[in-house]
Amino acid sequence: MTTEPAPGKLVAVVGATASGKSDAALLLAQEFDGEVVNSDSRLFYRGMEIGTARPSQAELDSVPHHLVGFLSPTDPYSLAQFLSDARQVVDDIHGRSRLPIVVGGTGQYVWGLLEGWQVPEVPPDPELRSRLEAELEEQGVDALYRRLRELDPEAAAAVDGKNHRRVIRALERMASGTGAQNRAAIDPGYDSLLIGLHVERAELHRRIEQRVDRMLAAGWVEEVKQLLDQGVDFDLPALSAIGYREIALVIRGETALEEARERTIRATNRLVRHQNNWFKRSDSRINWINVTDGDLSRVVDAVRRWPGA
């Protein structure tokens, strides 16, 4: 039985990788006449279904999903573009008197949508980028990240300090005057319920290991091989998704599969720590629900108790 939502309502489901966000969003969409709006940057791209743990085609077909698999790995895409697209999608869902359910672990995208960030599209500065890349070569990414942290702590908290592309891009935004410290916001006009899924650390680590093993068993190596055969450049932002370069090294004979598996698990655990910086257990805006036992009925109950849901 579904319930028609009140106008302007929006539910967001956040949390760490492997916490069950996709399953929870699907369940809520079925229960509350909803449509899922993806805010996980890794799921935007086609041809990367296995390594990003994209929901199955049956799951995608069971309720409407938006912003999933709509880009080629070679397509540029920014936070500003996402916010424009996501706002249009949410407006369309509201126009159908249905409930938008935003789901994903990319904190910058989730908060940007919920808080009404106004982020102008900033074209890359080739001269500045060239200087930063030279500094990267000479000093390493840690030195660039320290500078970013000194100049714009909020922007530094928003990026993985080991991802040199994102560190450089954040420094470019800061230099252009559009970094986090200069970001404007408007009232997005949503009545939002933000649900965080918490899984105890040992269980989450177990799930991450199982997830990586499932992806390898499902043909992840072949997926990466197809991207390589298509000439996809692994310096593209899309291919910074965890595990893809590790698998590419296996295909090229530069590392063993077991080593790639271990590196992927370690990188995923680093991602979890990064996600925890965005979605803090102490944040009173987030309704945290412990789903360590895998029982998502408490998520449904939380939405059912929400006035007007």
Protein backbone atom coordinates (compact mmCIF):
# COMPACT_ATOMS: atom_id res chain seq x y z
CA MET A 1 0.00 0.00 0.00
CA THR A 2 1.42 3.40 -0.98
CA THR A 3 0.80 6.79 0.53
CA GLU A 4 0.60 9.99 -1.54
CA PRO A 5 3.18 12.49 -0.19
CA ALA A 6 2.44 16.08 0.72
CA PRO A 7 3.68 18.77 -1.73
CA GLY A 8 7.37 19.73 -1.50
CA LYS A 9 8.44 16.68 0.53
CA LEU A 10 11.83 15.11 -0.09
CA VAL A 11 13.60 12.20 1.62
CA ALA A 12 17.37 11.80 1.44
CA VAL A 13 19.11 8.55 2.39
CA VAL A 14 22.82 8.91 3.20
CA GLY A 15 25.59 6.96 4.82
CA ALA A 16 28.73 5.02 4.09
CA THR A 17 29.37 2.76 1.14
CA ALA A 18 27.82 -0.70 1.69
CA SER A 19 25.43 0.55 4.39
CA GLY A 20 22.34 -0.39 2.34
CA LYS A 21 21.36 2.99 0.90
CA SER A 22 20.18 1.70 -2.49
CA ASP A 23 18.03 -1.02 -0.91
CA ALA A 24 16.53 1.48 1.53
CA ALA A 25 15.73 3.96 -1.24
CA LEU A 26 14.08 1.24 -3.32
CA LEU A 27 11.98 0.12 -0.36
CA LEU A 28 10.89 3.70 0.40
CA ALA A 29 9.99 4.35 -3.23
CA GLN A 30 7.79 1.27 -3.27
CA GLU A 31 6.15 2.14 0.04
CA PHE A 32 5.56 5.86 -0.44
CA ASP A 33 4.89 6.29 -4.18
CA GLY A 34 8.39 7.60 -4.73
CA GLU A 35 11.05 7.99 -7.37
CA VAL A 36 14.77 7.60 -6.72
CA VAL A 37 17.19 10.43 -7.51
CA ASN A 38 20.79 9.23 -7.57
CA SER A 39 23.40 11.53 -6.03
CA ASP A 40 26.31 9.08 -6.11
CA SER A 41 28.77 10.47 -8.66
CA ARG A 42 30.05 6.98 -9.56
CA LEU A 43 26.63 5.87 -10.82
CA PHE A 44 26.29 8.63 -13.40
CA TYR A 45 28.32 6.73 -15.99
CA ARG A 46 27.49 3.98 -18.48
CA GLY A 47 29.72 0.94 -18.86
CA MET A 48 30.71 0.96 -15.18
CA GLU A 49 27.79 -0.94 -13.72
CA ILE A 50 29.69 -3.71 -11.95
CA GLY A 51 32.47 -1.73 -10.30
CA THR A 52 30.10 0.92 -8.99
CA ALA A 53 27.61 -1.64 -7.61
CA ARG A 54 24.81 -0.11 -9.64
CA PRO A 55 21.35 -1.50 -8.79
CA SER A 56 20.29 -4.38 -11.03
CA GLN A 57 18.18 -3.71 -14.10
CA ALA A 58 15.22 -5.35 -12.38
CA GLU A 59 15.62 -2.95 -9.45
CA LEU A 60 15.95 0.03 -11.77
CA ASP A 61 12.81 -1.07 -13.61
CA SER A 62 10.78 -1.64 -10.44
CA VAL A 63 10.54 2.09 -9.59
CA PRO A 64 11.64 5.17 -11.56
CA HIS A 65 15.33 5.99 -11.11
CA HIS A 66 16.93 9.25 -12.25
CA LEU A 67 20.53 10.31 -12.98
CA VAL A 68 21.78 6.74 -13.32
CA GLY A 69 23.93 5.67 -16.29
CA PHE A 70 23.19 8.79 -18.33
CA LEU A 71 26.79 9.83 -19.07
CA SER A 72 29.67 8.35 -21.04
CA PRO A 73 32.89 7.99 -19.01
CA THR A 74 34.34 10.62 -21.36
CA ASP A 75 31.65 13.21 -20.57
CA PRO A 76 32.65 16.06 -18.24
CA TYR A 77 30.21 16.66 -15.40
CA SER A 78 30.38 19.05 -12.48
CA LEU A 79 28.67 19.83 -9.21
CA ALA A 80 26.99 22.82 -10.88
CA GLN A 81 25.58 20.59 -13.64
CA PHE A 82 24.38 18.03 -11.11
CA LEU A 83 22.57 20.65 -9.04
CA SER A 84 20.81 21.98 -12.13
CA ASP A 85 19.80 18.50 -13.30
CA ALA A 86 18.79 17.25 -9.85
CA ARG A 87 16.62 20.29 -9.13
CA GLN A 88 14.81 19.80 -12.41
CA VAL A 89 14.28 16.10 -11.66
CA VAL A 90 12.94 16.85 -8.15
CA ASP A 91 10.59 19.50 -9.55
CA ASP A 92 9.31 17.02 -12.14
CA ILE A 93 8.70 14.37 -9.46
CA HIS A 94 6.80 16.88 -7.34
CA GLY A 95 4.81 17.79 -10.44
CA ARG A 96 3.68 14.16 -10.61
CA SER A 97 2.64 14.28 -6.91
CA ARG A 98 5.27 11.69 -6.05
CA LEU A 99 7.99 11.62 -3.40
CA PRO A 100 11.61 12.30 -4.45
CA ILE A 101 14.04 10.01 -2.65
CA VAL A 102 17.59 11.30 -2.99
CA VAL A 103 20.19 8.63 -2.31
CA GLY A 104 23.96 8.54 -2.35
CA GLY A 105 27.21 8.85 -0.47
CA THR A 106 28.64 11.86 -2.33
CA GLY A 107 28.22 14.44 0.40
CA GLN A 108 28.96 17.49 -1.70
CA TYR A 109 26.14 16.62 -4.07
CA VAL A 110 23.61 15.75 -1.36
CA TRP A 111 24.23 18.86 0.74
CA GLY A 112 24.41 21.05 -2.35
CA LEU A 113 20.90 19.97 -3.29
CA LEU A 114 19.39 20.10 0.20
CA GLU A 115 21.00 23.41 1.19
CA GLY A 116 20.39 25.20 -2.10
CA TRP A 117 24.03 25.87 -3.02
CA GLN A 118 24.57 28.22 -5.94
CA VAL A 119 27.70 26.95 -7.67
CA PRO A 120 28.70 28.73 -10.88
CA GLU A 121 30.28 26.62 -13.60
CA VAL A 122 34.00 27.42 -13.57
CA PRO A 123 36.00 26.45 -16.68
CA PRO A 124 39.45 25.00 -16.02
CA ASP A 125 42.34 27.49 -15.96
CA PRO A 126 45.04 25.84 -18.12
CA GLU A 127 47.84 28.10 -16.85
CA LEU A 128 46.97 27.60 -13.18
CA ARG A 129 46.43 23.88 -13.70
CA SER A 130 49.82 23.57 -15.37
CA ARG A 131 51.49 25.25 -12.37
CA LEU A 132 49.62 23.06 -9.90
CA GLU A 133 50.49 19.89 -11.81
CA ALA A 134 54.16 20.92 -11.79
CA GLU A 135 53.95 21.42 -8.04
CA LEU A 136 52.24 18.04 -7.73
CA GLU A 137 55.14 16.41 -9.57
CA GLU A 138 57.72 18.15 -7.38
CA GLN A 139 56.05 18.15 -3.95
CA GLY A 140 53.33 15.48 -4.06
CA VAL A 141 49.61 15.67 -3.42
CA ASP A 142 50.00 16.03 0.37
CA ALA A 143 51.63 19.45 -0.04
CA LEU A 144 48.82 20.67 -2.31
CA TYR A 145 46.21 19.33 0.08
CA ARG A 146 47.86 21.09 3.04
CA ARG A 147 47.66 24.35 1.11
CA LEU A 148 44.01 23.79 0.32
CA ARG A 149 43.31 23.01 3.97
CA GLU A 150 44.98 26.27 5.03
CA LEU A 151 43.20 28.41 2.42
CA ASP A 152 39.75 26.81 2.40
CA PRO A 153 39.18 24.26 5.19
CA GLU A 154 35.59 23.59 4.13
CA ALA A 155 36.65 22.77 0.58
CA ALA A 156 39.45 20.55 1.92
CA ALA A 157 36.96 18.59 4.02
CA ALA A 158 34.91 18.00 0.88
CA VAL A 159 37.60 16.24 -1.15
CA ASP A 160 39.73 13.14 -0.79
CA GLY A 161 43.19 14.47 0.02
CA LYS A 162 44.78 11.59 -1.91
CA ASN A 163 42.84 12.33 -5.12
CA HIS A 164 45.14 14.83 -6.83
CA ARG A 165 42.62 15.72 -9.56
CA ARG A 166 40.02 16.82 -7.03
CA VAL A 167 42.56 18.65 -4.90
CA ILE A 168 43.74 20.60 -7.94
CA ARG A 169 40.17 21.34 -9.01
CA ALA A 170 39.34 22.62 -5.51
CA LEU A 171 42.38 24.93 -5.63
CA GLU A 172 41.18 26.20 -9.01
CA ARG A 173 37.74 26.97 -7.60
CA MET A 174 39.28 28.73 -4.64
CA ALA A 175 41.47 30.85 -6.93
CA SER A 176 38.43 31.79 -9.04
CA GLY A 177 36.49 32.97 -5.99
CA THR A 178 33.95 30.13 -6.15
CA GLY A 179 35.37 27.87 -3.46
CA ALA A 180 33.39 26.64 -0.48
CA GLN A 181 34.11 29.77 1.56
CA ASN A 182 32.53 31.94 -1.16
CA ARG A 183 29.60 29.67 -1.98
CA ALA A 184 26.16 31.27 -1.97
CA ALA A 185 22.97 29.43 -1.05
CA ILE A 186 19.25 29.93 -1.44
CA ASP A 187 16.27 28.29 0.19
CA PRO A 188 15.71 25.20 -1.97
CA GLY A 189 12.05 25.08 -0.96
CA TYR A 190 12.08 21.43 0.09
CA ASP A 191 10.62 19.99 3.28
CA SER A 192 13.35 17.40 3.75
CA LEU A 193 13.80 14.36 5.94
CA LEU A 194 17.43 13.25 6.04
CA ILE A 195 17.99 9.64 7.08
CA GLY A 196 21.46 8.30 7.82
CA LEU A 197 22.13 4.57 7.79
CA HIS A 198 24.62 3.49 10.44
CA VAL A 199 26.39 0.12 10.33
CA GLU A 200 28.85 -0.92 13.03
CA ARG A 201 32.43 -0.76 11.76
CA ALA A 202 33.25 -4.49 11.85
CA GLU A 203 30.07 -5.37 9.97
CA LEU A 204 30.64 -2.59 7.45
CA HIS A 205 34.16 -3.87 6.77
CA ARG A 206 32.76 -7.37 6.23
CA ARG A 207 30.18 -6.01 3.80
CA ILE A 208 32.84 -4.09 1.89
CA GLU A 209 34.93 -7.23 1.46
CA GLN A 210 31.88 -9.20 0.30
CA ARG A 211 30.90 -6.39 -2.08
CA VAL A 212 34.33 -6.35 -3.74
CA ASP A 213 34.28 -10.15 -4.07
CA ARG A 214 30.80 -10.05 -5.63
CA MET A 215 31.91 -7.46 -8.16
CA LEU A 216 34.93 -9.53 -9.14
CA ALA A 217 32.76 -12.65 -9.47
CA ALA A 218 30.26 -10.71 -11.59
CA GLY A 219 32.86 -9.85 -14.24
CA TRP A 220 34.47 -6.64 -13.07
CA VAL A 221 37.78 -7.47 -14.77
CA GLU A 222 36.01 -7.91 -18.10
CA GLU A 223 34.14 -4.63 -17.60
CA VAL A 224 37.42 -2.77 -17.12
CA LYS A 225 38.94 -4.59 -20.11
CA GLN A 226 36.07 -3.38 -22.30
CA LEU A 227 36.70 0.21 -21.21
CA LEU A 228 40.39 -0.17 -22.02
CA ASP A 229 39.57 -1.74 -25.40
CA GLN A 230 37.33 1.25 -26.15
CA GLY A 231 40.29 3.55 -25.57
CA VAL A 232 38.88 5.14 -22.43
CA ASP A 233 41.58 7.26 -20.79
CA PHE A 234 42.03 6.28 -17.17
CA ASP A 235 43.01 9.86 -16.34
CA LEU A 236 39.36 10.85 -16.81
CA PRO A 237 37.48 11.85 -13.62
CA ALA A 238 34.93 9.05 -14.16
CA LEU A 239 37.68 6.46 -13.93
CA SER A 240 38.81 7.73 -10.53
CA ALA A 241 36.07 5.48 -9.13
CA ILE A 242 37.60 3.09 -6.63
CA GLY A 243 39.06 -0.11 -8.05
CA TYR A 244 39.13 0.71 -11.75
CA ARG A 245 42.81 1.62 -11.95
CA GLU A 246 43.66 -1.30 -9.69
CA ILE A 247 41.89 -3.71 -12.06
CA ALA A 248 43.49 -2.02 -15.07
CA LEU A 249 46.91 -2.81 -13.60
CA VAL A 250 45.89 -6.48 -13.37
CA ILE A 251 44.88 -6.50 -17.04
CA ARG A 252 48.19 -4.89 -17.99
CA GLY A 253 50.08 -7.52 -16.02
CA GLU A 254 51.48 -5.00 -13.55
CA THR A 255 49.91 -6.43 -10.40
CA ALA A 256 48.17 -9.58 -9.18
CA LEU A 257 44.41 -9.78 -8.81
CA GLU A 258 44.63 -10.46 -5.07
CA GLU A 259 46.73 -7.31 -4.59
CA ALA A 260 44.19 -5.30 -6.59
CA ARG A 261 41.42 -6.71 -4.40
CA GLU A 262 43.23 -5.70 -1.20
CA ARG A 263 43.99 -2.22 -2.51
CA THR A 264 40.35 -1.77 -3.49
CA ILE A 265 39.16 -2.80 -0.04
CA ARG A 266 41.60 -0.40 1.61
CA ALA A 267 40.56 2.43 -0.71
CA THR A 268 36.90 1.76 0.03
CA ASN A 269 37.56 1.98 3.75
CA ARG A 270 39.32 5.31 3.18
CA LEU A 271 36.23 6.46 1.27
CA VAL A 272 34.08 5.54 4.26
CA ARG A 273 36.17 7.79 6.49
CA HIS A 274 35.76 10.58 3.95
CA GLN A 275 32.00 10.04 3.84
CA ASN A 276 31.91 10.20 7.63
CA ASN A 277 33.33 13.72 7.40
CA TRP A 278 30.32 14.75 5.34
CA PHE A 279 27.70 12.84 7.30
CA LYS A 280 28.63 13.08 10.96
CA ARG A 281 26.88 11.07 13.65
CA SER A 282 26.76 14.28 15.71
CA ASP A 283 24.85 16.20 13.00
CA SER A 284 21.39 16.86 14.42
CA ARG A 285 19.96 17.35 10.93
CA ILE A 286 20.46 13.66 10.19
CA ASN A 287 18.11 11.03 11.63
CA TRP A 288 20.52 8.15 12.20
CA ILE A 289 19.15 4.61 12.15
CA ASN A 290 21.26 1.60 13.10
CA VAL A 291 20.83 -1.02 10.37
CA THR A 292 23.75 -3.24 11.34
CA ASP A 293 21.35 -6.20 11.43
CA GLY A 294 20.13 -5.42 7.90
CA ASP A 295 16.58 -4.64 9.02
CA LEU A 296 15.40 -1.66 6.94
CA SER A 297 11.87 -1.64 8.32
CA ARG A 298 12.97 1.03 10.80
CA VAL A 299 13.72 3.31 7.87
CA VAL A 300 10.18 2.87 6.57
CA ASP A 301 8.84 3.52 10.07
CA ALA A 302 10.83 6.77 10.32
CA VAL A 303 9.31 8.08 7.10
CA ARG A 304 5.84 6.93 8.11
CA ARG A 305 6.14 8.94 11.33
CA TRP A 306 7.20 12.03 9.40
CA PRO A 307 4.28 14.53 9.34
CA GLY A 308 2.66 14.69 5.93
CA ALA A 309 4.64 11.80 4.46
